[in-house]
Amino acid sequence: MSYYLRNEVSGTYAHRDSIGQHDGLTTTDLDNAARFDTWGEASDYSQNFGPDWSVDEI
């Protein structure tokens, strides 16, 4: 399993090059999405994003 940060409104994922919501980098392709091995890593990363973002396990 891997963990991704998904926007619940748009359905897009945080891009692997994104450093936070303010840069607007998103993707619909999981190959280009920021991927994490643990929920904790993804949760730490999510602190740079707003409340519309959640950690998804895929």
PDB file of N, CA and C in Angstrom:
ATOM      1  N   MET A   1       0.829  -1.185   0.000  1.00  0.00           N
ATOM      2  CA  MET A   1       0.000   0.000   0.000  1.00  0.00           C
ATOM      3  C   MET A   1       0.873   1.247   0.000  1.00  0.00           C
ATOM      4  N   SER A   2       0.335   2.290  -0.616  1.00  0.00           N
ATOM      5  CA  SER A   2       0.973   3.604  -0.620  1.00  0.00           C
ATOM      6  C   SER A   2      -0.052   4.629  -0.196  1.00  0.00           C
ATOM      7  N   TYR A   3       0.428   5.795   0.197  1.00  0.00           N
ATOM      8  CA  TYR A   3      -0.434   6.869   0.668  1.00  0.00           C
ATOM      9  C   TYR A   3      -0.245   8.095  -0.215  1.00  0.00           C
ATOM     10  N   TYR A   4      -1.352   8.738  -0.520  1.00  0.00           N
ATOM     11  CA  TYR A   4      -1.376   9.908  -1.393  1.00  0.00           C
ATOM     12  C   TYR A   4      -2.226  10.995  -0.754  1.00  0.00           C
ATOM     13  N   LEU A   5      -1.958  12.229  -1.132  1.00  0.00           N
ATOM     14  CA  LEU A   5      -2.759  13.340  -0.637  1.00  0.00           C
ATOM     15  C   LEU A   5      -3.732  13.742  -1.739  1.00  0.00           C
ATOM     16  N   ARG A   6      -5.044  13.614  -1.463  1.00  0.00           N
ATOM     17  CA  ARG A   6      -6.079  13.874  -2.465  1.00  0.00           C
ATOM     18  C   ARG A   6      -6.959  15.045  -2.041  1.00  0.00           C
ATOM     19  N   ASN A   7      -7.267  15.890  -3.027  1.00  0.00           N
ATOM     20  CA  ASN A   7      -8.187  16.992  -2.786  1.00  0.00           C
ATOM     21  C   ASN A   7      -9.612  16.449  -2.898  1.00  0.00           C
ATOM     22  N   GLU A   8     -10.386  16.569  -1.841  1.00  0.00           N
ATOM     23  CA  GLU A   8     -11.741  16.011  -1.803  1.00  0.00           C
ATOM     24  C   GLU A   8     -12.716  16.758  -2.702  1.00  0.00           C
ATOM     25  N   VAL A   9     -12.415  17.990  -3.050  1.00  0.00           N
ATOM     26  CA  VAL A   9     -13.305  18.778  -3.906  1.00  0.00           C
ATOM     27  C   VAL A   9     -13.050  18.477  -5.387  1.00  0.00           C
ATOM     28  N   SER A  10     -11.788  18.524  -5.795  1.00  0.00           N
ATOM     29  CA  SER A  10     -11.451  18.349  -7.209  1.00  0.00           C
ATOM     30  C   SER A  10     -11.138  16.901  -7.583  1.00  0.00           C
ATOM     31  N   GLY A  11     -10.806  16.068  -6.590  1.00  0.00           N
ATOM     32  CA  GLY A  11     -10.446  14.690  -6.873  1.00  0.00           C
ATOM     33  C   GLY A  11      -9.025  14.528  -7.384  1.00  0.00           C
ATOM     34  N   THR A  12      -8.243  15.609  -7.396  1.00  0.00           N
ATOM     35  CA  THR A  12      -6.861  15.529  -7.855  1.00  0.00           C
ATOM     36  C   THR A  12      -5.929  15.202  -6.701  1.00  0.00           C
ATOM     37  N   TYR A  13      -4.723  14.799  -7.046  1.00  0.00           N
ATOM     38  CA  TYR A  13      -3.703  14.455  -6.064  1.00  0.00           C
ATOM     39  C   TYR A  13      -2.608  15.511  -6.067  1.00  0.00           C
ATOM     40  N   ALA A  14      -1.946  15.663  -4.933  1.00  0.00           N
ATOM     41  CA  ALA A  14      -0.798  16.556  -4.859  1.00  0.00           C
ATOM     42  C   ALA A  14       0.303  16.008  -5.763  1.00  0.00           C
ATOM     43  N   HIS A  15       0.867  16.858  -6.591  1.00  0.00           N
ATOM     44  CA  HIS A  15       1.942  16.460  -7.499  1.00  0.00           C
ATOM     45  C   HIS A  15       3.214  16.189  -6.703  1.00  0.00           C
ATOM     46  N   ARG A  16       4.029  15.269  -7.178  1.00  0.00           N
ATOM     47  CA  ARG A  16       5.258  14.917  -6.460  1.00  0.00           C
ATOM     48  C   ARG A  16       6.224  16.092  -6.321  1.00  0.00           C
ATOM     49  N   ASP A  17       6.110  17.117  -7.168  1.00  0.00           N
ATOM     50  CA  ASP A  17       6.975  18.295  -7.087  1.00  0.00           C
ATOM     51  C   ASP A  17       6.374  19.406  -6.240  1.00  0.00           C
ATOM     52  N   SER A  18       5.177  19.194  -5.724  1.00  0.00           N
ATOM     53  CA  SER A  18       4.498  20.223  -4.940  1.00  0.00           C
ATOM     54  C   SER A  18       5.119  20.341  -3.547  1.00  0.00           C
ATOM     55  N   ILE A  19       5.236  21.594  -3.089  1.00  0.00           N
ATOM     56  CA  ILE A  19       5.706  21.820  -1.717  1.00  0.00           C
ATOM     57  C   ILE A  19       4.577  22.328  -0.829  1.00  0.00           C
ATOM     58  N   GLY A  20       3.390  22.492  -1.422  1.00  0.00           N
ATOM     59  CA  GLY A  20       2.234  22.931  -0.651  1.00  0.00           C
ATOM     60  C   GLY A  20       1.110  23.385  -1.555  1.00  0.00           C
ATOM     61  N   GLN A  21      -0.048  23.590  -0.974  1.00  0.00           N
ATOM     62  CA  GLN A  21      -1.239  23.952  -1.733  1.00  0.00           C
ATOM     63  C   GLN A  21      -1.043  25.225  -2.541  1.00  0.00           C
ATOM     64  N   HIS A  22      -0.276  26.164  -2.017  1.00  0.00           N
ATOM     65  CA  HIS A  22      -0.118  27.465  -2.670  1.00  0.00           C
ATOM     66  C   HIS A  22       0.516  27.383  -4.051  1.00  0.00           C
ATOM     67  N   ASP A  23       1.290  26.326  -4.359  1.00  0.00           N
ATOM     68  CA  ASP A  23       1.928  26.266  -5.676  1.00  0.00           C
ATOM     69  C   ASP A  23       1.003  25.731  -6.764  1.00  0.00           C
ATOM     70  N   GLY A  24      -0.136  25.145  -6.375  1.00  0.00           N
ATOM     71  CA  GLY A  24      -1.138  24.713  -7.345  1.00  0.00           C
ATOM     72  C   GLY A  24      -0.766  23.495  -8.164  1.00  0.00           C
ATOM     73  N   LEU A  25       0.264  22.781  -7.786  1.00  0.00           N
ATOM     74  CA  LEU A  25       0.678  21.606  -8.553  1.00  0.00           C
ATOM     75  C   LEU A  25      -0.152  20.392  -8.139  1.00  0.00           C
ATOM     76  N   THR A  26      -0.998  19.934  -9.043  1.00  0.00           N
ATOM     77  CA  THR A  26      -1.827  18.758  -8.809  1.00  0.00           C
ATOM     78  C   THR A  26      -1.764  17.847 -10.027  1.00  0.00           C
ATOM     79  N   THR A  27      -2.273  16.647  -9.880  1.00  0.00           N
ATOM     80  CA  THR A  27      -2.276  15.687 -10.974  1.00  0.00           C
ATOM     81  C   THR A  27      -3.432  14.704 -10.793  1.00  0.00           C
ATOM     82  N   THR A  28      -3.857  14.119 -11.881  1.00  0.00           N
ATOM     83  CA  THR A  28      -4.834  13.024 -11.821  1.00  0.00           C
ATOM     84  C   THR A  28      -4.138  11.680 -12.028  1.00  0.00           C
ATOM     85  N   ASP A  29      -2.855  11.716 -12.343  1.00  0.00           N
ATOM     86  CA  ASP A  29      -2.062  10.529 -12.632  1.00  0.00           C
ATOM     87  C   ASP A  29      -1.259  10.136 -11.392  1.00  0.00           C
ATOM     88  N   LEU A  30      -1.548   8.984 -10.814  1.00  0.00           N
ATOM     89  CA  LEU A  30      -0.840   8.550  -9.609  1.00  0.00           C
ATOM     90  C   LEU A  30       0.661   8.397  -9.837  1.00  0.00           C
ATOM     91  N   ASP A  31       1.089   8.177 -11.077  1.00  0.00           N
ATOM     92  CA  ASP A  31       2.524   8.085 -11.362  1.00  0.00           C
ATOM     93  C   ASP A  31       3.236   9.405 -11.095  1.00  0.00           C
ATOM     94  N   ASN A  32       2.518  10.515 -11.175  1.00  0.00           N
ATOM     95  CA  ASN A  32       3.092  11.838 -10.947  1.00  0.00           C
ATOM     96  C   ASN A  32       2.747  12.408  -9.577  1.00  0.00           C
ATOM     97  N   ALA A  33       1.997  11.666  -8.797  1.00  0.00           N
ATOM     98  CA  ALA A  33       1.548  12.147  -7.494  1.00  0.00           C
ATOM     99  C   ALA A  33       2.610  11.919  -6.416  1.00  0.00           C
ATOM    100  N   ALA A  34       2.565  12.751  -5.390  1.00  0.00           N
ATOM    101  CA  ALA A  34       3.428  12.558  -4.230  1.00  0.00           C
ATOM    102  C   ALA A  34       2.986  11.259  -3.544  1.00  0.00           C
ATOM    103  N   ARG A  35       3.936  10.339  -3.340  1.00  0.00           N
ATOM    104  CA  ARG A  35       3.627   9.022  -2.768  1.00  0.00           C
ATOM    105  C   ARG A  35       4.425   8.838  -1.487  1.00  0.00           C
ATOM    106  N   PHE A  36       3.771   8.243  -0.503  1.00  0.00           N
ATOM    107  CA  PHE A  36       4.409   8.037   0.797  1.00  0.00           C
ATOM    108  C   PHE A  36       4.247   6.587   1.224  1.00  0.00           C
ATOM    109  N   ASP A  37       5.229   6.091   1.946  1.00  0.00           N
ATOM    110  CA  ASP A  37       5.206   4.702   2.409  1.00  0.00           C
ATOM    111  C   ASP A  37       4.383   4.530   3.675  1.00  0.00           C
ATOM    112  N   THR A  38       4.225   5.599   4.451  1.00  0.00           N
ATOM    113  CA  THR A  38       3.455   5.498   5.697  1.00  0.00           C
ATOM    114  C   THR A  38       2.417   6.609   5.772  1.00  0.00           C
ATOM    115  N   TRP A  39       1.383   6.346   6.554  1.00  0.00           N
ATOM    116  CA  TRP A  39       0.357   7.356   6.770  1.00  0.00           C
ATOM    117  C   TRP A  39       0.964   8.570   7.467  1.00  0.00           C
ATOM    118  N   GLY A  40       1.881   8.340   8.388  1.00  0.00           N
ATOM    119  CA  GLY A  40       2.515   9.426   9.126  1.00  0.00           C
ATOM    120  C   GLY A  40       3.282  10.375   8.225  1.00  0.00           C
ATOM    121  N   GLU A  41       4.018   9.838   7.245  1.00  0.00           N
ATOM    122  CA  GLU A  41       4.739  10.698   6.304  1.00  0.00           C
ATOM    123  C   GLU A  41       3.760  11.549   5.507  1.00  0.00           C
ATOM    124  N   ALA A  42       2.686  10.935   5.034  1.00  0.00           N
ATOM    125  CA  ALA A  42       1.683  11.668   4.255  1.00  0.00           C
ATOM    126  C   ALA A  42       0.990  12.714   5.123  1.00  0.00           C
ATOM    127  N   SER A  43       0.735  12.375   6.365  1.00  0.00           N
ATOM    128  CA  SER A  43       0.095  13.313   7.277  1.00  0.00           C
ATOM    129  C   SER A  43       0.989  14.521   7.534  1.00  0.00           C
ATOM    130  N   ASP A  44       2.273  14.293   7.729  1.00  0.00           N
ATOM    131  CA  ASP A  44       3.210  15.406   7.911  1.00  0.00           C
ATOM    132  C   ASP A  44       3.207  16.312   6.687  1.00  0.00           C
ATOM    133  N   TYR A  45       3.240  15.725   5.501  1.00  0.00           N
ATOM    134  CA  TYR A  45       3.223  16.474   4.247  1.00  0.00           C
ATOM    135  C   TYR A  45       1.927  17.277   4.116  1.00  0.00           C
ATOM    136  N   SER A  46       0.824  16.727   4.600  1.00  0.00           N
ATOM    137  CA  SER A  46      -0.483  17.378   4.441  1.00  0.00           C
ATOM    138  C   SER A  46      -0.586  18.681   5.223  1.00  0.00           C
ATOM    139  N   GLN A  47       0.340  18.921   6.143  1.00  0.00           N
ATOM    140  CA  GLN A  47       0.308  20.169   6.916  1.00  0.00           C
ATOM    141  C   GLN A  47       0.507  21.390   6.027  1.00  0.00           C
ATOM    142  N   ASN A  48       1.008  21.186   4.817  1.00  0.00           N
ATOM    143  CA  ASN A  48       1.214  22.272   3.859  1.00  0.00           C
ATOM    144  C   ASN A  48      -0.006  22.498   2.968  1.00  0.00           C
ATOM    145  N   PHE A  49      -1.102  21.830   3.291  1.00  0.00           N
ATOM    146  CA  PHE A  49      -2.315  21.902   2.478  1.00  0.00           C
ATOM    147  C   PHE A  49      -3.502  22.246   3.363  1.00  0.00           C
ATOM    148  N   GLY A  50      -4.576  22.701   2.733  1.00  0.00           N
ATOM    149  CA  GLY A  50      -5.767  23.108   3.463  1.00  0.00           C
ATOM    150  C   GLY A  50      -6.672  21.954   3.854  1.00  0.00           C
ATOM    151  N   PRO A  51      -7.835  22.289   4.414  1.00  0.00           N
ATOM    152  CA  PRO A  51      -8.752  21.270   4.939  1.00  0.00           C
ATOM    153  C   PRO A  51      -9.447  20.414   3.871  1.00  0.00           C
ATOM    154  N   ASP A  52      -9.347  20.795   2.602  1.00  0.00           N
ATOM    155  CA  ASP A  52      -9.972  20.016   1.532  1.00  0.00           C
ATOM    156  C   ASP A  52      -9.132  18.816   1.117  1.00  0.00           C
ATOM    157  N   TRP A  53      -7.983  18.637   1.750  1.00  0.00           N
ATOM    158  CA  TRP A  53      -7.069  17.563   1.389  1.00  0.00           C
ATOM    159  C   TRP A  53      -7.098  16.453   2.428  1.00  0.00           C
ATOM    160  N   SER A  54      -7.044  15.209   1.968  1.00  0.00           N
ATOM    161  CA  SER A  54      -7.025  14.073   2.879  1.00  0.00           C
ATOM    162  C   SER A  54      -6.014  13.040   2.406  1.00  0.00           C
ATOM    163  N   VAL A  55      -5.576  12.198   3.325  1.00  0.00           N
ATOM    164  CA  VAL A  55      -4.645  11.121   2.999  1.00  0.00           C
ATOM    165  C   VAL A  55      -5.447   9.919   2.539  1.00  0.00           C
ATOM    166  N   ASP A  56      -5.112   9.422   1.351  1.00  0.00           N
ATOM    167  CA  ASP A  56      -5.762   8.226   0.798  1.00  0.00           C
ATOM    168  C   ASP A  56      -4.774   7.080   0.771  1.00  0.00           C
ATOM    169  N   GLU A  57      -5.240   5.895   1.129  1.00  0.00           N
ATOM    170  CA  GLU A  57      -4.427   4.677   1.043  1.00  0.00           C
ATOM    171  C   GLU A  57      -4.854   3.927  -0.197  1.00  0.00           C
ATOM    172  N   ILE A  58      -3.905   3.687  -1.073  1.00  0.00           N
ATOM    173  CA  ILE A  58      -4.202   2.998  -2.341  1.00  0.00           C
ATOM    174  C   ILE A  58      -3.227   1.849  -2.519  1.00  0.00           C
TER     175      ILE A  58
END
